[in-house]
C-alpha cells in the first residue's frame, strides 16, 4: 500500500478504523483535488498491502455533501457524505444512515465511516469496527 510508484495515485489519508474521521478531514482531501481528480476510498487489513474494498470516482463529486439517506451515483457506486452522520459508498441507492450505513450488513460492497466523532463502522460485511485497529481507512487521489 505504501508503494504507489507508477500508479499515479497519492495516498492522502491513512488511519485505523478506530480513528474519528471528520468533515474537515474530507474537506482537506477535497482541497488537494483538481477538477479532474479521481479519488478512491478503501479499506484493508493493517500491515497488509491488500485492499479489501475500494471504489473510485471524480473527487469533487464524491466529496460534495449529501442529505441523509440520499446517496448520489458517481462512477460505479452511490456515494454519500453527510455531516454529523457518515461518509461512504454503496452498490445501490438504498442506504440507512443511522449514524453510518447499517443496511444489508451481509453486503461485501458497502463502506461507511462515521462523521460524528467516532471511528469507522463498516468495511463490506465487516461491521462494528468503530474501535478497531486491525483495519485501515484509505483515501487516494490522482
Protein backbone atom coordinates (compact mmCIF):
# COMPACT_ATOMS: atom_id res chain seq x y z
CA UNK A 1 0.00 0.00 0.00
CA UNK A 2 2.87 2.33 0.67
CA UNK A 3 4.39 1.71 -2.78
CA UNK A 4 2.16 3.56 -5.22
CA UNK A 5 5.00 4.18 -7.66
CA UNK A 6 3.75 4.17 -11.22
CA UNK A 7 0.07 4.17 -10.29
CA UNK A 8 -0.29 7.93 -10.40
CA UNK A 9 -2.24 7.83 -7.12
CA UNK A 10 -1.14 9.52 -3.90
CA UNK A 11 -2.14 8.19 -0.51
CA UNK A 12 -3.62 11.22 1.29
CA UNK A 13 -5.48 9.57 4.19
CA UNK A 14 -4.37 6.50 6.11
CA UNK A 15 -5.94 5.88 9.52
CA UNK A 16 -7.08 3.00 11.69
CA UNK A 17 -10.79 2.30 11.61
CA UNK A 18 -10.80 3.47 15.25
CA UNK A 19 -9.79 6.98 14.11
CA UNK A 20 -12.64 9.51 14.06
CA UNK A 21 -12.84 10.85 10.50
CA UNK A 22 -14.23 14.37 10.35
CA UNK A 23 -15.78 16.62 7.72
CA UNK A 24 -12.63 18.77 7.95
CA UNK A 25 -10.52 15.69 7.03
CA UNK A 26 -12.65 15.21 3.91
CA UNK A 27 -12.64 18.93 3.09
CA UNK A 28 -8.83 18.89 3.35
CA UNK A 29 -8.73 15.97 0.90
CA UNK A 30 -11.06 17.84 -1.47
CA UNK A 31 -8.73 20.85 -1.38
CA UNK A 32 -5.97 18.60 -2.77
CA UNK A 33 -8.11 17.56 -5.77
CA UNK A 34 -8.17 19.27 -9.15
CA UNK A 35 -11.38 19.45 -11.18
CA UNK A 36 -10.37 16.22 -12.96
CA UNK A 37 -9.02 14.28 -9.98
CA UNK A 38 -10.14 10.76 -9.23
CA UNK A 39 -10.48 9.82 -5.58
CA UNK A 40 -10.64 6.30 -4.16
CA UNK A 41 -11.91 5.33 -0.72
CA UNK A 42 -10.77 1.96 0.51
CA UNK A 43 -10.27 -0.30 3.46
CA UNK A 44 -7.90 -3.11 4.25
CA UNK A 45 -6.15 -5.01 6.97
CA UNK A 46 -3.48 -3.13 8.89
CA UNK A 47 0.08 -4.17 7.94
CA UNK A 48 -1.05 -5.51 4.57
CA UNK A 49 -0.80 -4.24 1.01
CA UNK A 50 -4.15 -5.82 0.11
CA UNK A 51 -7.25 -3.66 -0.13
CA UNK A 52 -10.44 -5.49 0.81
CA UNK A 53 -12.83 -2.95 -0.72
CA UNK A 54 -12.31 0.08 -2.93
CA UNK A 55 -14.39 2.42 -5.06
CA UNK A 56 -13.19 5.33 -7.19
CA UNK A 57 -14.92 8.33 -8.76
CA UNK A 58 -14.44 12.03 -9.53
CA UNK A 59 -13.13 13.64 -6.36
CA UNK A 60 -15.25 16.81 -6.31
CA UNK A 61 -18.48 14.86 -6.94
CA UNK A 62 -17.73 12.33 -4.19
CA UNK A 63 -16.73 14.98 -1.66
CA UNK A 64 -19.90 17.04 -2.01
CA UNK A 65 -22.30 16.95 0.96
CA UNK A 66 -25.47 14.88 0.59
CA UNK A 67 -28.73 14.79 2.51
CA UNK A 68 -29.25 11.91 4.94
CA UNK A 69 -30.07 8.61 3.19
CA UNK A 70 -29.72 10.27 -0.26
CA UNK A 71 -26.56 8.96 -1.92
CA UNK A 72 -25.57 10.18 -5.38
CA UNK A 73 -24.45 7.88 -8.20
CA UNK A 74 -20.86 8.76 -9.16
CA UNK A 75 -18.65 6.43 -11.18
CA UNK A 76 -19.90 2.96 -10.37
CA UNK A 77 -21.27 3.43 -6.84
CA UNK A 78 -23.68 5.52 -4.78
CA UNK A 79 -21.67 7.92 -2.59
CA UNK A 80 -22.72 9.93 0.46
CA UNK A 81 -21.08 12.45 2.77
CA UNK A 82 -23.48 13.72 5.40
CA UNK A 83 -22.06 15.98 8.12
CA UNK A 84 -22.78 14.61 11.60
CA UNK A 85 -23.62 11.20 10.14
CA UNK A 86 -21.31 9.34 7.76
CA UNK A 87 -19.27 9.04 4.57
CA UNK A 88 -19.14 6.07 2.25
CA UNK A 89 -20.44 4.22 -0.75
CA UNK A 90 -22.94 1.52 -1.64
CA UNK A 91 -23.64 -0.58 -4.74
CA UNK A 92 -27.24 0.69 -4.76
CA UNK A 93 -29.16 3.80 -3.74
CA UNK A 94 -30.81 2.27 -0.70
CA UNK A 95 -28.84 3.06 2.45
CA UNK A 96 -29.76 3.65 6.07
CA UNK A 97 -27.55 6.21 7.77
CA UNK A 98 -28.44 5.77 11.45
CA UNK A 99 -25.02 7.24 12.09
CA UNK A 100 -23.41 5.05 9.42
CA UNK A 101 -24.92 2.84 6.73
CA UNK A 102 -26.26 -0.17 8.61
CA UNK A 103 -28.39 -1.58 5.78
CA UNK A 104 -27.65 -5.08 4.45
CA UNK A 105 -24.84 -5.95 6.84
CA UNK A 106 -24.03 -9.06 4.78
CA UNK A 107 -23.09 -6.97 1.71
CA UNK A 108 -19.38 -7.07 0.85
CA UNK A 109 -19.72 -3.89 -1.26
CA UNK A 110 -20.55 -1.17 1.28
CA UNK A 111 -18.11 1.12 3.08
CA UNK A 112 -19.20 3.55 5.80
CA UNK A 113 -17.23 5.77 8.16
CA UNK A 114 -18.81 7.79 10.96
CA UNK A 115 -18.56 11.59 10.75
CA UNK A 116 -19.84 12.17 14.27
CA UNK A 117 -16.77 11.81 16.45
CA UNK A 118 -16.49 8.01 16.27
CA UNK A 119 -14.30 5.76 14.15
CA UNK A 120 -15.22 3.87 11.02
CA UNK A 121 -18.12 1.46 11.12
CA UNK A 122 -18.14 -0.93 8.20
CA UNK A 123 -15.85 -2.40 5.60
CA UNK A 124 -18.06 -4.56 3.43
CA UNK A 125 -19.69 -7.17 5.63
CA UNK A 126 -17.27 -6.44 8.49
CA UNK A 127 -19.22 -4.21 10.86
CA UNK A 128 -18.88 -2.74 14.35
CA UNK A 129 -15.35 -1.54 13.52
CA UNK A 130 -15.71 1.74 15.41
CA UNK A 131 -12.88 0.91 17.84
CA UNK A 132 -10.97 -1.47 15.59
CA UNK A 133 -7.23 -1.12 14.97
CA UNK A 134 -6.91 -4.21 12.74
CA UNK A 135 -8.39 -2.42 9.71
CA UNK A 136 -7.32 0.79 7.97
CA UNK A 137 -9.19 3.58 6.15
CA UNK A 138 -7.51 4.87 2.99
CA UNK A 139 -8.14 7.72 0.57
CA UNK A 140 -6.09 8.04 -2.59
CA UNK A 141 -6.24 10.77 -5.21
CA UNK A 142 -4.90 11.06 -8.74
